[in-house]
Amino acid sequence: MPLDPAQRQQIEQDAITAAWEAESLAACDDAIALLREIADLERDDDGDVIIGTDAAGHNDLMSRITAFLATNDQ
């Protein structure tokens, strides 16, 4: 039995919503992973996180945070 246009539209809308929710959950998982990594970093005497760089001024964590924000800042 074929779907009527309203049913078809509802199914399409539900699929779009499910895809958006899955993408949002994946972004949350990525953010949590970054935050856990930050929480594990060394701290100074005041309790501030120390984010260091290598000799070339590169920091992998900061690069990943920047990439995450560029992808997910909507």
C-alpha atoms as a PDB file:
ATOM      1  CA  MET A   1       0.000   0.000   0.000  1.00  0.00           C
ATOM      2  CA  PRO A   2       1.544   3.294  -1.084  1.00  0.00           C
ATOM      3  CA  LEU A   3       2.117   6.071   1.437  1.00  0.00           C
ATOM      4  CA  ASP A   4       0.098   9.210   1.185  1.00  0.00           C
ATOM      5  CA  PRO A   5       2.070  12.465   0.760  1.00  0.00           C
ATOM      6  CA  ALA A   6       1.657  13.463   4.426  1.00  0.00           C
ATOM      7  CA  GLN A   7       3.034  10.121   5.638  1.00  0.00           C
ATOM      8  CA  ARG A   8       5.937  10.327   3.207  1.00  0.00           C
ATOM      9  CA  GLN A   9       6.746  13.871   4.343  1.00  0.00           C
ATOM     10  CA  GLN A  10       6.640  12.816   8.017  1.00  0.00           C
ATOM     11  CA  ILE A  11       8.985   9.888   7.362  1.00  0.00           C
ATOM     12  CA  GLU A  12      11.410  12.166   5.503  1.00  0.00           C
ATOM     13  CA  GLN A  13      11.284  14.724   8.316  1.00  0.00           C
ATOM     14  CA  ASP A  14      11.870  12.009  10.925  1.00  0.00           C
ATOM     15  CA  ALA A  15      14.911  10.780   8.973  1.00  0.00           C
ATOM     16  CA  ILE A  16      16.352  14.309   8.767  1.00  0.00           C
ATOM     17  CA  THR A  17      15.796  14.805  12.501  1.00  0.00           C
ATOM     18  CA  ALA A  18      17.413  11.460  13.340  1.00  0.00           C
ATOM     19  CA  ALA A  19      20.466  12.290  11.211  1.00  0.00           C
ATOM     20  CA  TRP A  20      20.821  15.704  12.879  1.00  0.00           C
ATOM     21  CA  GLU A  21      20.515  14.144  16.342  1.00  0.00           C
ATOM     22  CA  ALA A  22      23.136  11.501  15.507  1.00  0.00           C
ATOM     23  CA  GLU A  23      25.517  14.207  14.274  1.00  0.00           C
ATOM     24  CA  SER A  24      24.930  16.243  17.431  1.00  0.00           C
ATOM     25  CA  LEU A  25      25.570  13.227  19.661  1.00  0.00           C
ATOM     26  CA  ALA A  26      28.796  12.464  17.805  1.00  0.00           C
ATOM     27  CA  ALA A  27      29.920  16.085  18.284  1.00  0.00           C
ATOM     28  CA  CYS A  28      29.115  15.844  21.997  1.00  0.00           C
ATOM     29  CA  ASP A  29      31.173  12.657  22.269  1.00  0.00           C
ATOM     30  CA  ASP A  30      34.096  14.411  20.573  1.00  0.00           C
ATOM     31  CA  ALA A  31      33.771  17.411  22.892  1.00  0.00           C
ATOM     32  CA  ILE A  32      33.694  15.173  25.956  1.00  0.00           C
ATOM     33  CA  ALA A  33      36.849  13.393  24.780  1.00  0.00           C
ATOM     34  CA  LEU A  34      38.638  16.739  24.355  1.00  0.00           C
ATOM     35  CA  LEU A  35      37.468  17.943  27.762  1.00  0.00           C
ATOM     36  CA  ARG A  36      38.653  14.741  29.422  1.00  0.00           C
ATOM     37  CA  GLU A  37      42.050  15.180  27.830  1.00  0.00           C
ATOM     38  CA  ILE A  38      42.219  18.788  29.044  1.00  0.00           C
ATOM     39  CA  ALA A  39      41.216  17.685  32.541  1.00  0.00           C
ATOM     40  CA  ASP A  40      44.170  15.295  32.586  1.00  0.00           C
ATOM     41  CA  LEU A  41      46.738  17.988  31.728  1.00  0.00           C
ATOM     42  CA  GLU A  42      49.328  19.270  34.157  1.00  0.00           C
ATOM     43  CA  ARG A  43      48.334  22.276  36.282  1.00  0.00           C
ATOM     44  CA  ASP A  44      50.341  25.143  37.715  1.00  0.00           C
ATOM     45  CA  ASP A  45      50.347  26.232  41.360  1.00  0.00           C
ATOM     46  CA  ASP A  46      47.119  28.211  40.835  1.00  0.00           C
ATOM     47  CA  GLY A  47      45.349  25.190  39.352  1.00  0.00           C
ATOM     48  CA  ASP A  48      45.398  26.546  35.806  1.00  0.00           C
ATOM     49  CA  VAL A  49      45.938  24.009  33.024  1.00  0.00           C
ATOM     50  CA  ILE A  50      49.325  24.192  31.340  1.00  0.00           C
ATOM     51  CA  ILE A  51      49.010  23.793  27.583  1.00  0.00           C
ATOM     52  CA  GLY A  52      52.496  23.534  26.157  1.00  0.00           C
ATOM     53  CA  THR A  53      53.824  23.422  22.629  1.00  0.00           C
ATOM     54  CA  ASP A  54      56.700  21.654  20.964  1.00  0.00           C
ATOM     55  CA  ALA A  55      59.812  23.470  19.699  1.00  0.00           C
ATOM     56  CA  ALA A  56      57.978  24.467  16.523  1.00  0.00           C
ATOM     57  CA  GLY A  57      55.101  25.997  18.507  1.00  0.00           C
ATOM     58  CA  HIS A  58      52.704  23.194  17.596  1.00  0.00           C
ATOM     59  CA  ASN A  59      50.229  21.691  20.013  1.00  0.00           C
ATOM     60  CA  ASP A  60      48.190  18.707  18.835  1.00  0.00           C
ATOM     61  CA  LEU A  61      45.437  19.239  21.419  1.00  0.00           C
ATOM     62  CA  MET A  62      44.944  22.876  20.435  1.00  0.00           C
ATOM     63  CA  SER A  63      44.895  21.870  16.768  1.00  0.00           C
ATOM     64  CA  ARG A  64      42.187  19.308  17.465  1.00  0.00           C
ATOM     65  CA  ILE A  65      40.168  21.832  19.501  1.00  0.00           C
ATOM     66  CA  THR A  66      40.443  24.361  16.670  1.00  0.00           C
ATOM     67  CA  ALA A  67      39.354  21.761  14.107  1.00  0.00           C
ATOM     68  CA  PHE A  68      36.458  20.675  16.335  1.00  0.00           C
ATOM     69  CA  LEU A  69      35.230  24.256  16.728  1.00  0.00           C
ATOM     70  CA  ALA A  70      35.576  24.944  13.016  1.00  0.00           C
ATOM     71  CA  THR A  71      33.459  21.887  12.248  1.00  0.00           C
ATOM     72  CA  ASN A  72      30.829  22.238  14.967  1.00  0.00           C
ATOM     73  CA  ASP A  73      30.434  25.971  15.633  1.00  0.00           C
ATOM     74  CA  GLN A  74      26.963  26.482  14.172  1.00  0.00           C
END
